[in-house]
Amino acid sequence: MNRYLSLLLLALVMCLGATAQVKKTNLKVLYVGGHSNIETFGVDAYDTAANDRSIVERTAAWEKYLNEYFTTVKTVKGNDYNYKMSYDYDVTIIDGSPKPLEPRRNITVNGNFAKIVYARYFPDDFDRPVITIAETGETVGRRIGTKNDWYCLCLDAHAYGMKKEHPIFKGPYKVKLTMTDRPTPEGAKEYAPLIGQTLPEKTPMWRVQNKGYLTDRNFKVGMVVRPWGYEDSPEAEWISGGESAKSYDAMTIGRHANWLHWGFAASPADMTDEAKPVFANAVVYISKFAGQHIIARKLNEGIATR
């Protein structure tokens, strides 16, 4: 009898373990790494050895996570990436700085500074689906003219105002959004009167990361994007805002043509369990935009391109 019960319990455990496994989506995903979990932008001195270790840990976390959801996953270092590699994959995730095709340079006229020509990482006709993590949207997207620009490197750990009907919150992986009332960011409240808004003292928010730069010292910071031109262009969409020092409508998750901006900075090791399937859904979603091009290029961050 005891032997029978033991076998029954073992079968039950095996069954539960099998049902807990995620069904993989048949997609080929390329991860371009190079960033760590430590914020180094604008930091004069940091532990370079710790940063190097963190890059390895972060890449491993992404590789493990992506292999749970997708059939084929490849990781490469930024310096080893060339845009042509993306034509062998359904989606490319950029989480580091690739080697530029053309370096950044300053233009001078009569010995005086005139303008910056930003580094080029992709040709203008590049049409493969890409997800950029945090500030990489600005790094690789500036020269090609995506709207996913650098509004502020000041995004913390929560999202709000999500368009819950959007496909990334619907599937193929099941999503749960636990909303918690939190203080409305002071930056949003400061911007509100300038555009005729009145914001509540508290805002329902969804936690995306278990860590954030406001509470965890030296943790990598996320990036929000200017919201201009996403709601009135056929190849662009605003999907979610986030807890930042900028206006309430600053974009945290959004798409411009074949480019999807995921502004949050955490690797899967520091994502919440609720956020992990949403990112996987975002990979599936952006894969559908292979072959799409930017219609109106935003080559000046100070203007709204419609």
C-alpha atoms as a PDB file:
ATOM      1  CA  MET A   1       0.000   0.000   0.000  1.00  0.00           C
ATOM      2  CA  ASN A   2       2.780   2.428   0.886  1.00  0.00           C
ATOM      3  CA  ARG A   3       4.522   1.559  -2.352  1.00  0.00           C
ATOM      4  CA  TYR A   4       1.328   2.243  -4.275  1.00  0.00           C
ATOM      5  CA  LEU A   5       0.878   5.645  -2.626  1.00  0.00           C
ATOM      6  CA  SER A   6       4.496   6.526  -3.313  1.00  0.00           C
ATOM      7  CA  LEU A   7       4.107   5.731  -6.993  1.00  0.00           C
ATOM      8  CA  LEU A   8       0.883   7.714  -7.135  1.00  0.00           C
ATOM      9  CA  LEU A   9       2.499  10.756  -5.522  1.00  0.00           C
ATOM     10  CA  LEU A  10       5.474  10.492  -7.872  1.00  0.00           C
ATOM     11  CA  ALA A  11       3.162  10.381 -10.892  1.00  0.00           C
ATOM     12  CA  LEU A  12       1.258  13.397  -9.575  1.00  0.00           C
ATOM     13  CA  VAL A  13       4.463  15.412  -9.068  1.00  0.00           C
ATOM     14  CA  MET A  14       5.666  14.519 -12.569  1.00  0.00           C
ATOM     15  CA  CYS A  15       2.315  15.503 -14.019  1.00  0.00           C
ATOM     16  CA  LEU A  16       2.305  18.863 -12.241  1.00  0.00           C
ATOM     17  CA  GLY A  17       5.872  19.520 -13.362  1.00  0.00           C
ATOM     18  CA  ALA A  18       4.979  18.781 -16.962  1.00  0.00           C
ATOM     19  CA  THR A  19       1.968  21.086 -16.959  1.00  0.00           C
ATOM     20  CA  ALA A  20       4.052  23.878 -15.423  1.00  0.00           C
ATOM     21  CA  GLN A  21       6.423  23.890 -18.377  1.00  0.00           C
ATOM     22  CA  VAL A  22       5.974  26.682 -20.921  1.00  0.00           C
ATOM     23  CA  LYS A  23       5.076  25.640 -24.440  1.00  0.00           C
ATOM     24  CA  LYS A  24       7.762  27.047 -26.697  1.00  0.00           C
ATOM     25  CA  THR A  25       6.919  29.282 -29.643  1.00  0.00           C
ATOM     26  CA  ASN A  26       8.609  28.359 -32.899  1.00  0.00           C
ATOM     27  CA  LEU A  27      10.718  31.491 -33.301  1.00  0.00           C
ATOM     28  CA  LYS A  28      14.428  32.098 -33.779  1.00  0.00           C
ATOM     29  CA  VAL A  29      15.623  34.813 -31.406  1.00  0.00           C
ATOM     30  CA  LEU A  30      18.995  36.580 -31.441  1.00  0.00           C
ATOM     31  CA  TYR A  31      20.133  38.302 -28.234  1.00  0.00           C
ATOM     32  CA  VAL A  32      22.811  40.994 -28.582  1.00  0.00           C
ATOM     33  CA  GLY A  33      24.383  41.551 -25.176  1.00  0.00           C
ATOM     34  CA  GLY A  34      26.966  43.789 -23.609  1.00  0.00           C
ATOM     35  CA  HIS A  35      25.170  45.657 -20.864  1.00  0.00           C
ATOM     36  CA  SER A  36      25.329  44.747 -17.195  1.00  0.00           C
ATOM     37  CA  ASN A  37      22.878  45.170 -14.338  1.00  0.00           C
ATOM     38  CA  ILE A  38      25.015  48.057 -13.058  1.00  0.00           C
ATOM     39  CA  GLU A  39      24.362  51.609 -14.241  1.00  0.00           C
ATOM     40  CA  THR A  40      27.552  52.987 -15.787  1.00  0.00           C
ATOM     41  CA  PHE A  41      26.210  55.878 -17.868  1.00  0.00           C
ATOM     42  CA  GLY A  42      27.509  59.147 -16.471  1.00  0.00           C
ATOM     43  CA  VAL A  43      29.308  57.318 -13.677  1.00  0.00           C
ATOM     44  CA  ASP A  44      32.915  58.449 -13.358  1.00  0.00           C
ATOM     45  CA  ALA A  45      34.157  55.453 -11.406  1.00  0.00           C
ATOM     46  CA  TYR A  46      32.714  51.990 -10.920  1.00  0.00           C
ATOM     47  CA  ASP A  47      34.024  48.495 -10.230  1.00  0.00           C
ATOM     48  CA  THR A  48      34.992  47.307 -13.726  1.00  0.00           C
ATOM     49  CA  ALA A  49      35.544  43.729 -12.581  1.00  0.00           C
ATOM     50  CA  ALA A  50      32.084  43.612 -11.020  1.00  0.00           C
ATOM     51  CA  ASN A  51      30.637  45.135 -14.176  1.00  0.00           C
ATOM     52  CA  ASP A  52      32.300  42.475 -16.338  1.00  0.00           C
ATOM     53  CA  ARG A  53      30.904  39.726 -14.130  1.00  0.00           C
ATOM     54  CA  SER A  54      27.476  41.303 -14.292  1.00  0.00           C
ATOM     55  CA  ILE A  55      27.550  41.340 -18.116  1.00  0.00           C
ATOM     56  CA  VAL A  56      28.166  37.588 -18.108  1.00  0.00           C
ATOM     57  CA  GLU A  57      25.406  37.016 -15.531  1.00  0.00           C
ATOM     58  CA  ARG A  58      22.947  39.211 -17.420  1.00  0.00           C
ATOM     59  CA  THR A  59      23.605  37.472 -20.739  1.00  0.00           C
ATOM     60  CA  ALA A  60      23.165  34.075 -19.076  1.00  0.00           C
ATOM     61  CA  ALA A  61      19.859  35.194 -17.529  1.00  0.00           C
ATOM     62  CA  TRP A  62      18.535  36.304 -20.912  1.00  0.00           C
ATOM     63  CA  GLU A  63      19.690  33.105 -22.594  1.00  0.00           C
ATOM     64  CA  LYS A  64      18.031  30.909 -19.976  1.00  0.00           C
ATOM     65  CA  TYR A  65      14.785  32.876 -20.096  1.00  0.00           C
ATOM     66  CA  LEU A  66      14.513  33.012 -23.881  1.00  0.00           C
ATOM     67  CA  ASN A  67      15.188  29.282 -24.155  1.00  0.00           C
ATOM     68  CA  GLU A  68      12.158  28.683 -21.937  1.00  0.00           C
ATOM     69  CA  TYR A  69       9.857  30.394 -24.438  1.00  0.00           C
ATOM     70  CA  PHE A  70      11.393  29.984 -27.908  1.00  0.00           C
ATOM     71  CA  THR A  71      12.732  27.089 -29.948  1.00  0.00           C
ATOM     72  CA  THR A  72      15.976  28.693 -31.150  1.00  0.00           C
ATOM     73  CA  VAL A  73      18.062  31.205 -29.200  1.00  0.00           C
ATOM     74  CA  LYS A  74      21.487  32.624 -30.012  1.00  0.00           C
ATOM     75  CA  THR A  75      23.478  35.103 -27.914  1.00  0.00           C
ATOM     76  CA  VAL A  76      26.293  37.305 -29.223  1.00  0.00           C
ATOM     77  CA  LYS A  77      28.330  40.166 -27.848  1.00  0.00           C
ATOM     78  CA  GLY A  78      27.622  43.640 -29.165  1.00  0.00           C
ATOM     79  CA  ASN A  79      31.038  43.941 -30.796  1.00  0.00           C
ATOM     80  CA  ASP A  80      30.421  40.707 -32.679  1.00  0.00           C
ATOM     81  CA  TYR A  81      27.018  41.736 -34.039  1.00  0.00           C
ATOM     82  CA  ASN A  82      26.312  42.984 -37.544  1.00  0.00           C
ATOM     83  CA  TYR A  83      22.812  43.855 -38.746  1.00  0.00           C
ATOM     84  CA  LYS A  84      23.026  41.195 -41.470  1.00  0.00           C
ATOM     85  CA  MET A  85      22.865  38.535 -38.748  1.00  0.00           C
ATOM     86  CA  SER A  86      19.286  39.584 -37.991  1.00  0.00           C
ATOM     87  CA  TYR A  87      18.134  38.273 -41.375  1.00  0.00           C
ATOM     88  CA  ASP A  88      18.712  34.746 -40.063  1.00  0.00           C
ATOM     89  CA  TYR A  89      16.411  35.315 -37.066  1.00  0.00           C
ATOM     90  CA  ASP A  90      12.779  36.220 -36.467  1.00  0.00           C
ATOM     91  CA  VAL A  91      13.517  38.753 -33.704  1.00  0.00           C
ATOM     92  CA  THR A  92      16.669  40.493 -32.511  1.00  0.00           C
ATOM     93  CA  ILE A  93      16.887  41.767 -28.928  1.00  0.00           C
ATOM     94  CA  ILE A  94      19.478  44.499 -28.462  1.00  0.00           C
ATOM     95  CA  ASP A  95      20.800  44.900 -24.925  1.00  0.00           C
ATOM     96  CA  GLY A  96      24.267  46.233 -25.661  1.00  0.00           C
ATOM     97  CA  SER A  97      26.073  48.555 -28.052  1.00  0.00           C
ATOM     98  CA  PRO A  98      26.929  46.936 -31.393  1.00  0.00           C
ATOM     99  CA  LYS A  99      29.973  47.957 -33.378  1.00  0.00           C
ATOM    100  CA  PRO A 100      28.822  50.873 -35.585  1.00  0.00           C
ATOM    101  CA  LEU A 101      28.878  50.768 -39.364  1.00  0.00           C
ATOM    102  CA  GLU A 102      29.817  54.459 -39.235  1.00  0.00           C
ATOM    103  CA  PRO A 103      31.209  56.081 -36.062  1.00  0.00           C
ATOM    104  CA  ARG A 104      29.737  59.190 -34.472  1.00  0.00           C
ATOM    105  CA  ARG A 105      31.449  62.381 -35.565  1.00  0.00           C
ATOM    106  CA  ASN A 106      31.223  66.126 -35.067  1.00  0.00           C
ATOM    107  CA  ILE A 107      30.851  68.480 -38.029  1.00  0.00           C
ATOM    108  CA  THR A 108      32.602  71.832 -37.838  1.00  0.00           C
ATOM    109  CA  VAL A 109      32.253  74.876 -40.077  1.00  0.00           C
ATOM    110  CA  ASN A 110      35.133  77.359 -40.135  1.00  0.00           C
ATOM    111  CA  GLY A 111      36.518  75.721 -37.039  1.00  0.00           C
ATOM    112  CA  ASN A 112      33.250  76.026 -35.115  1.00  0.00           C
ATOM    113  CA  PHE A 113      31.062  73.144 -34.043  1.00  0.00           C
ATOM    114  CA  ALA A 114      28.023  72.822 -36.306  1.00  0.00           C
ATOM    115  CA  LYS A 115      26.315  69.513 -35.586  1.00  0.00           C
ATOM    116  CA  ILE A 116      26.658  65.889 -34.519  1.00  0.00           C
ATOM    117  CA  VAL A 117      26.358  63.061 -37.001  1.00  0.00           C
ATOM    118  CA  TYR A 118      25.266  60.111 -34.917  1.00  0.00           C
ATOM    119  CA  ALA A 119      26.734  56.642 -35.311  1.00  0.00           C
ATOM    120  CA  ARG A 120      25.044  54.352 -37.794  1.00  0.00           C
ATOM    121  CA  TYR A 121      24.287  50.764 -36.865  1.00  0.00           C
ATOM    122  CA  PHE A 122      21.694  49.864 -39.506  1.00  0.00           C
ATOM    123  CA  PRO A 123      21.003  50.837 -43.125  1.00  0.00           C
ATOM    124  CA  ASP A 124      17.847  52.837 -43.772  1.00  0.00           C
ATOM    125  CA  ASP A 125      16.137  49.887 -45.463  1.00  0.00           C
ATOM    126  CA  PHE A 126      16.617  47.519 -42.512  1.00  0.00           C
ATOM    127  CA  ASP A 127      13.287  45.776 -41.926  1.00  0.00           C
ATOM    128  CA  ARG A 128      13.850  42.966 -39.433  1.00  0.00           C
ATOM    129  CA  PRO A 129      11.933  42.926 -36.106  1.00  0.00           C
ATOM    130  CA  VAL A 130      13.962  44.348 -33.200  1.00  0.00           C
ATOM    131  CA  ILE A 131      13.346  44.893 -29.487  1.00  0.00           C
ATOM    132  CA  THR A 132      15.615  47.440 -27.834  1.00  0.00           C
ATOM    133  CA  ILE A 133      16.167  47.340 -24.071  1.00  0.00           C
ATOM    134  CA  ALA A 134      16.317  50.620 -22.106  1.00  0.00           C
ATOM    135  CA  GLU A 135      18.587  53.238 -23.744  1.00  0.00           C
ATOM    136  CA  THR A 136      19.659  51.031 -26.656  1.00  0.00           C
ATOM    137  CA  GLY A 137      16.607  52.360 -28.510  1.00  0.00           C
ATOM    138  CA  GLU A 138      18.340  55.733 -28.652  1.00  0.00           C
ATOM    139  CA  THR A 139      21.788  54.278 -29.339  1.00  0.00           C
ATOM    140  CA  VAL A 140      20.893  52.258 -32.420  1.00  0.00           C
ATOM    141  CA  GLY A 141      17.738  54.087 -33.464  1.00  0.00           C
ATOM    142  CA  ARG A 142      18.854  57.714 -33.614  1.00  0.00           C
ATOM    143  CA  ARG A 143      20.552  57.576 -37.023  1.00  0.00           C
ATOM    144  CA  ILE A 144      17.862  55.453 -38.645  1.00  0.00           C
ATOM    145  CA  GLY A 145      15.159  57.789 -37.353  1.00  0.00           C
ATOM    146  CA  THR A 146      12.962  55.796 -34.977  1.00  0.00           C
ATOM    147  CA  LYS A 147      10.655  57.720 -32.676  1.00  0.00           C
ATOM    148  CA  ASN A 148      11.986  55.659 -29.757  1.00  0.00           C
ATOM    149  CA  ASP A 149      14.225  58.487 -28.582  1.00  0.00           C
ATOM    150  CA  TRP A 150      15.905  59.442 -25.321  1.00  0.00           C
ATOM    151  CA  TYR A 151      13.381  61.495 -23.370  1.00  0.00           C
ATOM    152  CA  CYS A 152      14.846  60.567 -20.014  1.00  0.00           C
ATOM    153  CA  LEU A 153      17.036  57.901 -18.462  1.00  0.00           C
ATOM    154  CA  CYS A 154      14.849  57.888 -15.362  1.00  0.00           C
ATOM    155  CA  LEU A 155      12.492  54.919 -15.578  1.00  0.00           C
ATOM    156  CA  ASP A 156      12.120  52.876 -12.408  1.00  0.00           C
ATOM    157  CA  ALA A 157      10.320  49.572 -11.774  1.00  0.00           C
ATOM    158  CA  HIS A 158       6.603  50.105 -12.462  1.00  0.00           C
ATOM    159  CA  ALA A 159       4.352  50.553 -15.486  1.00  0.00           C
ATOM    160  CA  TYR A 160       1.017  52.365 -15.596  1.00  0.00           C
ATOM    161  CA  GLY A 161      -1.621  53.373 -18.112  1.00  0.00           C
ATOM    162  CA  MET A 162      -1.074  50.141 -20.060  1.00  0.00           C
ATOM    163  CA  LYS A 163      -3.381  49.468 -22.971  1.00  0.00           C
ATOM    164  CA  LYS A 164      -4.547  46.195 -21.507  1.00  0.00           C
ATOM    165  CA  GLU A 165      -6.304  45.218 -24.727  1.00  0.00           C
ATOM    166  CA  HIS A 166      -2.997  45.240 -26.597  1.00  0.00           C
ATOM    167  CA  PRO A 167      -1.789  41.836 -27.906  1.00  0.00           C
ATOM    168  CA  ILE A 168       1.279  41.720 -25.625  1.00  0.00           C
ATOM    169  CA  PHE A 169      -1.094  41.537 -22.649  1.00  0.00           C
ATOM    170  CA  LYS A 170      -3.308  38.910 -24.299  1.00  0.00           C
ATOM    171  CA  GLY A 171      -1.081  36.091 -25.489  1.00  0.00           C
ATOM    172  CA  PRO A 172       0.059  33.620 -26.549  1.00  0.00           C
ATOM    173  CA  TYR A 173       1.329  33.406 -22.956  1.00  0.00           C
ATOM    174  CA  LYS A 174      -1.162  34.003 -20.182  1.00  0.00           C
ATOM    175  CA  VAL A 175      -0.773  37.350 -18.433  1.00  0.00           C
ATOM    176  CA  LYS A 176      -1.791  38.541 -14.993  1.00  0.00           C
ATOM    177  CA  LEU A 177      -1.599  42.237 -14.165  1.00  0.00           C
ATOM    178  CA  THR A 178      -1.684  42.974 -10.440  1.00  0.00           C
ATOM    179  CA  MET A 179      -2.355  46.681 -10.009  1.00  0.00           C
ATOM    180  CA  THR A 180      -1.358  48.568  -6.871  1.00  0.00           C
ATOM    181  CA  ASP A 181      -2.075  52.200  -6.054  1.00  0.00           C
ATOM    182  CA  ARG A 182       1.194  54.097  -5.745  1.00  0.00           C
ATOM    183  CA  PRO A 183       2.051  57.800  -5.450  1.00  0.00           C
ATOM    184  CA  THR A 184       1.865  59.525  -8.827  1.00  0.00           C
ATOM    185  CA  PRO A 185       5.441  60.443  -9.844  1.00  0.00           C
ATOM    186  CA  GLU A 186       6.379  63.997  -8.901  1.00  0.00           C
ATOM    187  CA  GLY A 187       7.726  64.640 -12.398  1.00  0.00           C
ATOM    188  CA  ALA A 188       4.381  63.797 -13.951  1.00  0.00           C
ATOM    189  CA  LYS A 189       2.593  66.112 -11.537  1.00  0.00           C
ATOM    190  CA  GLU A 190       4.980  68.946 -12.389  1.00  0.00           C
ATOM    191  CA  TYR A 191       4.396  68.517 -16.128  1.00  0.00           C
ATOM    192  CA  ALA A 192       0.609  68.161 -15.839  1.00  0.00           C
ATOM    193  CA  PRO A 193      -0.349  71.875 -15.481  1.00  0.00           C
ATOM    194  CA  LEU A 194       1.736  72.744 -18.548  1.00  0.00           C
ATOM    195  CA  ILE A 195      -0.542  70.639 -20.738  1.00  0.00           C
ATOM    196  CA  GLY A 196      -3.798  71.238 -18.887  1.00  0.00           C
ATOM    197  CA  GLN A 197      -3.838  67.954 -16.965  1.00  0.00           C
ATOM    198  CA  THR A 198      -4.949  67.277 -13.418  1.00  0.00           C
ATOM    199  CA  LEU A 199      -3.468  64.093 -12.021  1.00  0.00           C
ATOM    200  CA  PRO A 200      -4.559  62.141  -8.950  1.00  0.00           C
ATOM    201  CA  GLU A 201      -2.280  61.742  -5.968  1.00  0.00           C
ATOM    202  CA  LYS A 202      -2.116  57.997  -6.583  1.00  0.00           C
ATOM    203  CA  THR A 203      -1.933  55.946  -9.779  1.00  0.00           C
ATOM    204  CA  PRO A 204      -2.635  52.214 -10.283  1.00  0.00           C
ATOM    205  CA  MET A 205       0.700  50.640 -11.239  1.00  0.00           C
ATOM    206  CA  TRP A 206       1.985  47.257 -12.331  1.00  0.00           C
ATOM    207  CA  ARG A 207       5.356  46.082 -11.032  1.00  0.00           C
ATOM    208  CA  VAL A 208       7.658  44.962 -13.869  1.00  0.00           C
ATOM    209  CA  GLN A 209      10.954  44.655 -11.972  1.00  0.00           C
ATOM    210  CA  ASN A 210      11.832  43.349  -8.536  1.00  0.00           C
ATOM    211  CA  LYS A 211      14.578  45.973  -8.381  1.00  0.00           C
ATOM    212  CA  GLY A 212      14.753  49.613  -9.447  1.00  0.00           C
ATOM    213  CA  TYR A 213      17.368  52.333  -9.444  1.00  0.00           C
ATOM    214  CA  LEU A 214      15.450  54.421  -6.896  1.00  0.00           C
ATOM    215  CA  THR A 215      15.622  51.691  -4.254  1.00  0.00           C
ATOM    216  CA  ASP A 216      18.605  49.552  -5.305  1.00  0.00           C
ATOM    217  CA  ARG A 217      21.879  51.424  -5.411  1.00  0.00           C
ATOM    218  CA  ASN A 218      23.666  51.435  -8.785  1.00  0.00           C
ATOM    219  CA  PHE A 219      20.970  49.315 -10.453  1.00  0.00           C
ATOM    220  CA  LYS A 220      20.603  49.870 -14.187  1.00  0.00           C
ATOM    221  CA  VAL A 221      18.166  52.664 -15.128  1.00  0.00           C
ATOM    222  CA  GLY A 222      15.392  52.386 -17.699  1.00  0.00           C
ATOM    223  CA  MET A 223      14.524  54.896 -20.434  1.00  0.00           C
ATOM    224  CA  VAL A 224      11.282  56.616 -21.365  1.00  0.00           C
ATOM    225  CA  VAL A 225      10.525  58.002 -24.811  1.00  0.00           C
ATOM    226  CA  ARG A 226       8.812  61.193 -25.951  1.00  0.00           C
ATOM    227  CA  PRO A 227       5.202  60.288 -26.715  1.00  0.00           C
ATOM    228  CA  TRP A 228       4.886  62.463 -29.812  1.00  0.00           C
ATOM    229  CA  GLY A 229       3.585  60.958 -33.027  1.00  0.00           C
ATOM    230  CA  TYR A 230       2.691  57.477 -31.805  1.00  0.00           C
ATOM    231  CA  GLU A 231      -1.076  57.854 -31.797  1.00  0.00           C
ATOM    232  CA  ASP A 232      -1.467  59.463 -35.222  1.00  0.00           C
ATOM    233  CA  SER A 233       0.859  57.330 -37.357  1.00  0.00           C
ATOM    234  CA  PRO A 234      -0.128  54.013 -38.950  1.00  0.00           C
ATOM    235  CA  GLU A 235       3.205  52.325 -38.163  1.00  0.00           C
ATOM    236  CA  ALA A 236       3.554  53.470 -34.539  1.00  0.00           C
ATOM    237  CA  GLU A 237       1.759  52.717 -31.283  1.00  0.00           C
ATOM    238  CA  TRP A 238       1.971  53.774 -27.636  1.00  0.00           C
ATOM    239  CA  ILE A 239       1.507  50.700 -25.430  1.00  0.00           C
ATOM    240  CA  SER A 240       2.428  51.688 -21.868  1.00  0.00           C
ATOM    241  CA  GLY A 241       3.716  54.445 -19.660  1.00  0.00           C
ATOM    242  CA  GLY A 242       5.968  54.021 -16.665  1.00  0.00           C
ATOM    243  CA  GLU A 243       7.169  55.458 -13.374  1.00  0.00           C
ATOM    244  CA  SER A 244       9.647  58.169 -14.366  1.00  0.00           C
ATOM    245  CA  ALA A 245      10.629  61.783 -13.806  1.00  0.00           C
ATOM    246  CA  LYS A 246       8.904  62.955 -17.002  1.00  0.00           C
ATOM    247  CA  SER A 247       5.339  63.603 -18.173  1.00  0.00           C
ATOM    248  CA  TYR A 248       2.539  61.154 -17.446  1.00  0.00           C
ATOM    249  CA  ASP A 249       2.340  60.097 -21.102  1.00  0.00           C
ATOM    250  CA  ALA A 250       6.081  59.436 -21.498  1.00  0.00           C
ATOM    251  CA  MET A 251       6.287  56.130 -23.332  1.00  0.00           C
ATOM    252  CA  THR A 252       7.792  53.055 -21.685  1.00  0.00           C
ATOM    253  CA  ILE A 253       6.681  50.338 -24.099  1.00  0.00           C
ATOM    254  CA  GLY A 254       5.844  51.165 -27.701  1.00  0.00           C
ATOM    255  CA  ARG A 255       6.485  50.394 -31.333  1.00  0.00           C
ATOM    256  CA  HIS A 256       7.694  52.303 -34.372  1.00  0.00           C
ATOM    257  CA  ALA A 257       7.466  50.072 -37.456  1.00  0.00           C
ATOM    258  CA  ASN A 258       9.732  47.035 -36.901  1.00  0.00           C
ATOM    259  CA  TRP A 259      11.271  48.542 -33.743  1.00  0.00           C
ATOM    260  CA  LEU A 260       9.776  47.828 -30.310  1.00  0.00           C
ATOM    261  CA  HIS A 261      11.011  49.822 -27.323  1.00  0.00           C
ATOM    262  CA  TRP A 262      11.064  48.007 -23.971  1.00  0.00           C
ATOM    263  CA  GLY A 263      12.164  50.785 -21.664  1.00  0.00           C
ATOM    264  CA  PHE A 264      12.629  48.744 -18.525  1.00  0.00           C
ATOM    265  CA  ALA A 265      16.236  47.890 -17.707  1.00  0.00           C
ATOM    266  CA  ALA A 266      16.043  44.640 -15.732  1.00  0.00           C
ATOM    267  CA  SER A 267      17.128  41.311 -17.141  1.00  0.00           C
ATOM    268  CA  PRO A 268      14.760  38.339 -16.663  1.00  0.00           C
ATOM    269  CA  ALA A 269      16.601  37.537 -13.416  1.00  0.00           C
ATOM    270  CA  ASP A 270      15.073  40.690 -11.927  1.00  0.00           C
ATOM    271  CA  MET A 271      11.759  40.756 -13.801  1.00  0.00           C
ATOM    272  CA  THR A 272       8.617  39.877 -11.864  1.00  0.00           C
ATOM    273  CA  ASP A 273       6.866  36.624 -12.677  1.00  0.00           C
ATOM    274  CA  GLU A 274       4.042  38.683 -14.161  1.00  0.00           C
ATOM    275  CA  ALA A 275       6.360  40.597 -16.483  1.00  0.00           C
ATOM    276  CA  LYS A 276       8.123  37.576 -17.983  1.00  0.00           C
ATOM    277  CA  PRO A 277       5.204  36.339 -20.113  1.00  0.00           C
ATOM    278  CA  VAL A 278       4.474  39.911 -21.240  1.00  0.00           C
ATOM    279  CA  PHE A 279       7.985  40.277 -22.643  1.00  0.00           C
ATOM    280  CA  ALA A 280       7.675  36.877 -24.330  1.00  0.00           C
ATOM    281  CA  ASN A 281       4.401  38.043 -25.872  1.00  0.00           C
ATOM    282  CA  ALA A 282       6.188  41.194 -27.053  1.00  0.00           C
ATOM    283  CA  VAL A 283       8.746  39.030 -28.867  1.00  0.00           C
ATOM    284  CA  VAL A 284       5.957  37.117 -30.592  1.00  0.00           C
ATOM    285  CA  TYR A 285       4.152  40.366 -31.423  1.00  0.00           C
ATOM    286  CA  ILE A 286       7.067  42.227 -32.981  1.00  0.00           C
ATOM    287  CA  SER A 287       7.973  39.159 -35.053  1.00  0.00           C
ATOM    288  CA  LYS A 288       4.847  39.873 -37.110  1.00  0.00           C
ATOM    289  CA  PHE A 289       6.332  43.139 -38.393  1.00  0.00           C
ATOM    290  CA  ALA A 290       9.094  41.632 -40.499  1.00  0.00           C
ATOM    291  CA  GLY A 291       9.392  43.624 -43.716  1.00  0.00           C
ATOM    292  CA  GLN A 292       7.821  46.812 -42.340  1.00  0.00           C
ATOM    293  CA  HIS A 293       9.673  50.102 -42.752  1.00  0.00           C
ATOM    294  CA  ILE A 294       9.556  53.424 -40.958  1.00  0.00           C
ATOM    295  CA  ILE A 295       7.274  55.820 -42.836  1.00  0.00           C
ATOM    296  CA  ALA A 296       8.351  59.099 -41.227  1.00  0.00           C
ATOM    297  CA  ARG A 297      11.856  59.212 -39.773  1.00  0.00           C
ATOM    298  CA  LYS A 298      12.482  61.245 -36.638  1.00  0.00           C
ATOM    299  CA  LEU A 299      15.996  62.553 -37.124  1.00  0.00           C
ATOM    300  CA  ASN A 300      15.670  65.424 -34.664  1.00  0.00           C
ATOM    301  CA  GLU A 301      14.672  64.504 -31.111  1.00  0.00           C
ATOM    302  CA  GLY A 302      13.169  67.958 -30.522  1.00  0.00           C
ATOM    303  CA  ILE A 303      10.435  67.649 -33.127  1.00  0.00           C
ATOM    304  CA  ALA A 304       7.263  65.576 -33.448  1.00  0.00           C
ATOM    305  CA  THR A 305       7.323  63.533 -36.667  1.00  0.00           C
ATOM    306  CA  ARG A 306       3.849  62.650 -37.874  1.00  0.00           C
END
